Amino acid sequence: MSKSKGARITITLECPCRNSNDKNKRKKGIFRYTSTKNRKNTPNRIELMKFCPNCNQHEKFKEIK
C-alpha cells in the first residue's frame, strides 16, 4: 500500500515586481522561489519576505497557483 500525500505541499512564490518598469532593476524577467507549506495550518495563500535579485532588494513574494 502506498502512503497518502499528507498535508504538506510544494508551493511557488513569485515577486510582484515582474510587471514594473523600475530603473533599479538588474535585469528583466520573473524570479520565483519554491517552498513547502502545511495545507491544514495555512489554507489561504501566504506571503514571505525574500530577496529578489532582479529588484536588488527584499520584496514580499506571493504564492501563485
PDB file of N, CA and C in Angstrom:
ATOM      1  N   MET A   1       0.837  -1.176   0.000  1.00  0.00           N
ATOM      2  CA  MET A   1       0.000   0.000   0.000  1.00  0.00           C
ATOM      3  C   MET A   1       0.889   1.248   0.000  1.00  0.00           C
ATOM      4  N   SER A   2       0.500   2.226  -0.753  1.00  0.00           N
ATOM      5  CA  SER A   2       1.255   3.469  -0.781  1.00  0.00           C
ATOM      6  C   SER A   2       0.691   4.441   0.249  1.00  0.00           C
ATOM      7  N   LYS A   3       1.563   5.317   0.704  1.00  0.00           N
ATOM      8  CA  LYS A   3       1.138   6.309   1.689  1.00  0.00           C
ATOM      9  C   LYS A   3       0.379   7.435   1.000  1.00  0.00           C
ATOM     10  N   SER A   4      -0.465   8.124   1.771  1.00  0.00           N
ATOM     11  CA  SER A   4      -1.185   9.272   1.216  1.00  0.00           C
ATOM     12  C   SER A   4      -0.228  10.455   1.111  1.00  0.00           C
ATOM     13  N   LYS A   5      -0.605  11.457   0.366  1.00  0.00           N
ATOM     14  CA  LYS A   5       0.249  12.614   0.156  1.00  0.00           C
ATOM     15  C   LYS A   5       0.500  13.381   1.442  1.00  0.00           C
ATOM     16  N   GLY A   6      -0.497  13.458   2.305  1.00  0.00           N
ATOM     17  CA  GLY A   6      -0.331  14.198   3.544  1.00  0.00           C
ATOM     18  C   GLY A   6      -0.725  15.652   3.378  1.00  0.00           C
ATOM     19  N   ALA A   7      -0.427  16.425   4.393  1.00  0.00           N
ATOM     20  CA  ALA A   7      -0.857  17.814   4.416  1.00  0.00           C
ATOM     21  C   ALA A   7       0.170  18.765   3.807  1.00  0.00           C
ATOM     22  N   ARG A   8       1.427  18.323   3.669  1.00  0.00           N
ATOM     23  CA  ARG A   8       2.484  19.220   3.198  1.00  0.00           C
ATOM     24  C   ARG A   8       2.537  19.213   1.668  1.00  0.00           C
ATOM     25  N   ILE A   9       2.468  20.418   1.084  1.00  0.00           N
ATOM     26  CA  ILE A   9       2.502  20.553  -0.369  1.00  0.00           C
ATOM     27  C   ILE A   9       3.601  21.536  -0.770  1.00  0.00           C
ATOM     28  N   THR A  10       4.045  21.446  -2.021  1.00  0.00           N
ATOM     29  CA  THR A  10       5.044  22.360  -2.577  1.00  0.00           C
ATOM     30  C   THR A  10       4.326  23.536  -3.213  1.00  0.00           C
ATOM     31  N   ILE A  11       4.821  24.754  -2.916  1.00  0.00           N
ATOM     32  CA  ILE A  11       4.216  25.972  -3.469  1.00  0.00           C
ATOM     33  C   ILE A  11       5.276  26.762  -4.224  1.00  0.00           C
ATOM     34  N   THR A  12       4.833  27.672  -5.067  1.00  0.00           N
ATOM     35  CA  THR A  12       5.720  28.551  -5.812  1.00  0.00           C
ATOM     36  C   THR A  12       5.456  29.983  -5.378  1.00  0.00           C
ATOM     37  N   LEU A  13       6.524  30.716  -5.064  1.00  0.00           N
ATOM     38  CA  LEU A  13       6.432  32.114  -4.656  1.00  0.00           C
ATOM     39  C   LEU A  13       7.006  32.982  -5.774  1.00  0.00           C
ATOM     40  N   GLU A  14       6.285  34.052  -6.124  1.00  0.00           N
ATOM     41  CA  GLU A  14       6.711  34.913  -7.227  1.00  0.00           C
ATOM     42  C   GLU A  14       6.767  36.359  -6.772  1.00  0.00           C
ATOM     43  N   CYS A  15       7.745  37.087  -7.266  1.00  0.00           N
ATOM     44  CA  CYS A  15       7.921  38.501  -6.930  1.00  0.00           C
ATOM     45  C   CYS A  15       6.885  39.346  -7.674  1.00  0.00           C
ATOM     46  N   PRO A  16       6.267  40.320  -7.000  1.00  0.00           N
ATOM     47  CA  PRO A  16       5.270  41.163  -7.660  1.00  0.00           C
ATOM     48  C   PRO A  16       5.886  42.212  -8.587  1.00  0.00           C
ATOM     49  N   CYS A  17       7.199  42.361  -8.601  1.00  0.00           N
ATOM     50  CA  CYS A  17       7.854  43.391  -9.414  1.00  0.00           C
ATOM     51  C   CYS A  17       7.976  43.004 -10.877  1.00  0.00           C
ATOM     52  N   ARG A  18       7.480  41.871 -11.264  1.00  0.00           N
ATOM     53  CA  ARG A  18       7.691  41.359 -12.625  1.00  0.00           C
ATOM     54  C   ARG A  18       7.122  42.266 -13.706  1.00  0.00           C
ATOM     55  N   ASN A  19       6.084  43.069 -13.395  1.00  0.00           N
ATOM     56  CA  ASN A  19       5.455  43.914 -14.408  1.00  0.00           C
ATOM     57  C   ASN A  19       5.922  45.358 -14.360  1.00  0.00           C
ATOM     58  N   SER A  20       6.640  45.753 -13.310  1.00  0.00           N
ATOM     59  CA  SER A  20       7.032  47.156 -13.192  1.00  0.00           C
ATOM     60  C   SER A  20       8.244  47.472 -14.065  1.00  0.00           C
ATOM     61  N   ASN A  21       8.318  48.695 -14.525  1.00  0.00           N
ATOM     62  CA  ASN A  21       9.446  49.156 -15.339  1.00  0.00           C
ATOM     63  C   ASN A  21      10.343  50.040 -14.476  1.00  0.00           C
ATOM     64  N   ASP A  22      10.854  49.476 -13.396  1.00  0.00           N
ATOM     65  CA  ASP A  22      11.667  50.212 -12.439  1.00  0.00           C
ATOM     66  C   ASP A  22      13.091  50.355 -12.966  1.00  0.00           C
ATOM     67  N   LYS A  23      13.710  51.502 -12.697  1.00  0.00           N
ATOM     68  CA  LYS A  23      15.074  51.728 -13.167  1.00  0.00           C
ATOM     69  C   LYS A  23      16.107  51.030 -12.286  1.00  0.00           C
ATOM     70  N   ASN A  24      15.709  50.596 -11.079  1.00  0.00           N
ATOM     71  CA  ASN A  24      16.643  49.941 -10.163  1.00  0.00           C
ATOM     72  C   ASN A  24      16.777  48.454 -10.433  1.00  0.00           C
ATOM     73  N   LYS A  25      16.058  47.942 -11.424  1.00  0.00           N
ATOM     74  CA  LYS A  25      16.115  46.511 -11.718  1.00  0.00           C
ATOM     75  C   LYS A  25      17.453  46.138 -12.343  1.00  0.00           C
ATOM     76  N   ARG A  26      17.968  44.990 -11.974  1.00  0.00           N
ATOM     77  CA  ARG A  26      19.212  44.490 -12.571  1.00  0.00           C
ATOM     78  C   ARG A  26      18.962  43.941 -13.959  1.00  0.00           C
ATOM     79  N   LYS A  27      17.905  43.147 -14.065  1.00  0.00           N
ATOM     80  CA  LYS A  27      17.598  42.518 -15.353  1.00  0.00           C
ATOM     81  C   LYS A  27      16.099  42.297 -15.452  1.00  0.00           C
ATOM     82  N   LYS A  28      15.619  42.046 -16.646  1.00  0.00           N
ATOM     83  CA  LYS A  28      14.204  41.772 -16.858  1.00  0.00           C
ATOM     84  C   LYS A  28      13.936  40.301 -16.627  1.00  0.00           C
ATOM     85  N   GLY A  29      12.707  40.001 -16.267  1.00  0.00           N
ATOM     86  CA  GLY A  29      12.345  38.612 -16.085  1.00  0.00           C
ATOM     87  C   GLY A  29      11.568  38.378 -14.811  1.00  0.00           C
ATOM     88  N   ILE A  30      11.240  37.123 -14.576  1.00  0.00           N
ATOM     89  CA  ILE A  30      10.468  36.723 -13.415  1.00  0.00           C
ATOM     90  C   ILE A  30      11.365  35.879 -12.519  1.00  0.00           C
ATOM     91  N   PHE A  31      11.351  36.159 -11.224  1.00  0.00           N
ATOM     92  CA  PHE A  31      12.125  35.359 -10.285  1.00  0.00           C
ATOM     93  C   PHE A  31      11.165  34.661  -9.349  1.00  0.00           C
ATOM     94  N   ARG A  32      11.374  33.358  -9.140  1.00  0.00           N
ATOM     95  CA  ARG A  32      10.484  32.548  -8.310  1.00  0.00           C
ATOM     96  C   ARG A  32      11.277  31.709  -7.326  1.00  0.00           C
ATOM     97  N   TYR A  33      10.682  31.507  -6.155  1.00  0.00           N
ATOM     98  CA  TYR A  33      11.187  30.577  -5.151  1.00  0.00           C
ATOM     99  C   TYR A  33      10.190  29.438  -5.021  1.00  0.00           C
ATOM    100  N   THR A  34      10.658  28.284  -4.572  1.00  0.00           N
ATOM    101  CA  THR A  34       9.758  27.191  -4.220  1.00  0.00           C
ATOM    102  C   THR A  34       9.923  26.904  -2.735  1.00  0.00           C
ATOM    103  N   SER A  35       8.834  26.526  -2.111  1.00  0.00           N
ATOM    104  CA  SER A  35       8.835  26.235  -0.690  1.00  0.00           C
ATOM    105  C   SER A  35       7.735  25.220  -0.411  1.00  0.00           C
ATOM    106  N   THR A  36       7.596  24.827   0.842  1.00  0.00           N
ATOM    107  CA  THR A  36       6.521  23.920   1.215  1.00  0.00           C
ATOM    108  C   THR A  36       5.696  24.553   2.318  1.00  0.00           C
ATOM    109  N   LYS A  37       4.442  24.154   2.397  1.00  0.00           N
ATOM    110  CA  LYS A  37       3.580  24.628   3.468  1.00  0.00           C
ATOM    111  C   LYS A  37       2.632  23.514   3.862  1.00  0.00           C
ATOM    112  N   ASN A  38       2.130  23.600   5.078  1.00  0.00           N
ATOM    113  CA  ASN A  38       1.158  22.646   5.569  1.00  0.00           C
ATOM    114  C   ASN A  38      -0.227  23.179   5.220  1.00  0.00           C
ATOM    115  N   ARG A  39      -0.942  22.455   4.399  1.00  0.00           N
ATOM    116  CA  ARG A  39      -2.221  22.965   3.898  1.00  0.00           C
ATOM    117  C   ARG A  39      -3.301  22.985   4.974  1.00  0.00           C
ATOM    118  N   LYS A  40      -3.121  22.201   6.044  1.00  0.00           N
ATOM    119  CA  LYS A  40      -4.099  22.222   7.143  1.00  0.00           C
ATOM    120  C   LYS A  40      -3.921  23.457   8.025  1.00  0.00           C
ATOM    121  N   ASN A  41      -2.671  23.865   8.279  1.00  0.00           N
ATOM    122  CA  ASN A  41      -2.402  25.021   9.140  1.00  0.00           C
ATOM    123  C   ASN A  41      -2.589  26.350   8.412  1.00  0.00           C
ATOM    124  N   THR A  42      -2.232  26.408   7.133  1.00  0.00           N
ATOM    125  CA  THR A  42      -2.346  27.648   6.356  1.00  0.00           C
ATOM    126  C   THR A  42      -3.110  27.364   5.068  1.00  0.00           C
ATOM    127  N   PRO A  43      -4.437  27.369   5.120  1.00  0.00           N
ATOM    128  CA  PRO A  43      -5.214  27.051   3.918  1.00  0.00           C
ATOM    129  C   PRO A  43      -5.190  28.157   2.858  1.00  0.00           C
ATOM    130  N   ASN A  44      -5.031  29.418   3.277  1.00  0.00           N
ATOM    131  CA  ASN A  44      -5.006  30.506   2.287  1.00  0.00           C
ATOM    132  C   ASN A  44      -3.577  30.755   1.815  1.00  0.00           C
ATOM    133  N   ARG A  45      -3.439  31.605   0.810  1.00  0.00           N
ATOM    134  CA  ARG A  45      -2.134  31.870   0.200  1.00  0.00           C
ATOM    135  C   ARG A  45      -1.241  32.662   1.147  1.00  0.00           C
ATOM    136  N   ILE A  46       0.047  32.373   1.094  1.00  0.00           N
ATOM    137  CA  ILE A  46       0.987  33.023   2.006  1.00  0.00           C
ATOM    138  C   ILE A  46       1.847  34.033   1.259  1.00  0.00           C
ATOM    139  N   GLU A  47       2.416  34.968   2.039  1.00  0.00           N
ATOM    140  CA  GLU A  47       3.356  35.963   1.529  1.00  0.00           C
ATOM    141  C   GLU A  47       4.588  35.928   2.421  1.00  0.00           C
ATOM    142  N   LEU A  48       5.765  35.852   1.817  1.00  0.00           N
ATOM    143  CA  LEU A  48       7.018  35.813   2.564  1.00  0.00           C
ATOM    144  C   LEU A  48       7.966  36.875   2.032  1.00  0.00           C
ATOM    145  N   MET A  49       8.743  37.475   2.924  1.00  0.00           N
ATOM    146  CA  MET A  49       9.760  38.430   2.521  1.00  0.00           C
ATOM    147  C   MET A  49      10.992  37.654   2.068  1.00  0.00           C
ATOM    148  N   LYS A  50      11.380  37.831   0.808  1.00  0.00           N
ATOM    149  CA  LYS A  50      12.540  37.162   0.230  1.00  0.00           C
ATOM    150  C   LYS A  50      13.332  38.184  -0.572  1.00  0.00           C
ATOM    151  N   PHE A  51      14.580  37.843  -0.881  1.00  0.00           N
ATOM    152  CA  PHE A  51      15.412  38.722  -1.688  1.00  0.00           C
ATOM    153  C   PHE A  51      15.159  38.462  -3.162  1.00  0.00           C
ATOM    154  N   CYS A  52      14.893  39.520  -3.902  1.00  0.00           N
ATOM    155  CA  CYS A  52      14.694  39.426  -5.342  1.00  0.00           C
ATOM    156  C   CYS A  52      15.950  39.953  -6.036  1.00  0.00           C
ATOM    157  N   PRO A  53      16.703  39.109  -6.731  1.00  0.00           N
ATOM    158  CA  PRO A  53      17.907  39.591  -7.405  1.00  0.00           C
ATOM    159  C   PRO A  53      17.603  40.497  -8.595  1.00  0.00           C
ATOM    160  N   ASN A  54      16.388  40.429  -9.143  1.00  0.00           N
ATOM    161  CA  ASN A  54      16.034  41.318 -10.238  1.00  0.00           C
ATOM    162  C   ASN A  54      15.834  42.743  -9.736  1.00  0.00           C
ATOM    163  N   CYS A  55      15.194  42.902  -8.571  1.00  0.00           N
ATOM    164  CA  CYS A  55      14.956  44.225  -7.983  1.00  0.00           C
ATOM    165  C   CYS A  55      16.126  44.688  -7.140  1.00  0.00           C
ATOM    166  N   ASN A  56      16.958  43.751  -6.719  1.00  0.00           N
ATOM    167  CA  ASN A  56      18.105  44.019  -5.860  1.00  0.00           C
ATOM    168  C   ASN A  56      17.661  44.522  -4.482  1.00  0.00           C
ATOM    169  N   GLN A  57      16.551  43.992  -3.978  1.00  0.00           N
ATOM    170  CA  GLN A  57      16.068  44.338  -2.646  1.00  0.00           C
ATOM    171  C   GLN A  57      15.111  43.263  -2.149  1.00  0.00           C
ATOM    172  N   HIS A  58      14.750  43.333  -0.874  1.00  0.00           N
ATOM    173  CA  HIS A  58      13.801  42.393  -0.297  1.00  0.00           C
ATOM    174  C   HIS A  58      12.386  42.810  -0.680  1.00  0.00           C
ATOM    175  N   GLU A  59      11.594  41.851  -1.106  1.00  0.00           N
ATOM    176  CA  GLU A  59      10.212  42.080  -1.541  1.00  0.00           C
ATOM    177  C   GLU A  59       9.318  41.032  -0.913  1.00  0.00           C
ATOM    178  N   LYS A  60       8.016  41.297  -0.895  1.00  0.00           N
ATOM    179  CA  LYS A  60       7.030  40.302  -0.460  1.00  0.00           C
ATOM    180  C   LYS A  60       6.724  39.391  -1.637  1.00  0.00           C
ATOM    181  N   PHE A  61       7.080  38.144  -1.523  1.00  0.00           N
ATOM    182  CA  PHE A  61       6.792  37.165  -2.550  1.00  0.00           C
ATOM    183  C   PHE A  61       5.442  36.536  -2.236  1.00  0.00           C
ATOM    184  N   LYS A  62       4.567  36.460  -3.247  1.00  0.00           N
ATOM    185  CA  LYS A  62       3.228  35.919  -3.045  1.00  0.00           C
ATOM    186  C   LYS A  62       3.128  34.546  -3.685  1.00  0.00           C
ATOM    187  N   GLU A  63       2.324  33.710  -3.065  1.00  0.00           N
ATOM    188  CA  GLU A  63       2.099  32.358  -3.576  1.00  0.00           C
ATOM    189  C   GLU A  63       1.244  32.419  -4.842  1.00  0.00           C
ATOM    190  N   ILE A  64       1.661  31.679  -5.857  1.00  0.00           N
ATOM    191  CA  ILE A  64       0.882  31.600  -7.085  1.00  0.00           C
ATOM    192  C   ILE A  64       0.371  30.194  -7.250  1.00  0.00           C
ATOM    193  N   LYS A  65      -0.568  30.019  -8.146  1.00  0.00           N
ATOM    194  CA  LYS A  65      -1.163  28.699  -8.358  1.00  0.00           C
ATOM    195  C   LYS A  65      -0.228  27.763  -9.069  1.00  0.00           C
TER     196      LYS A  65
END
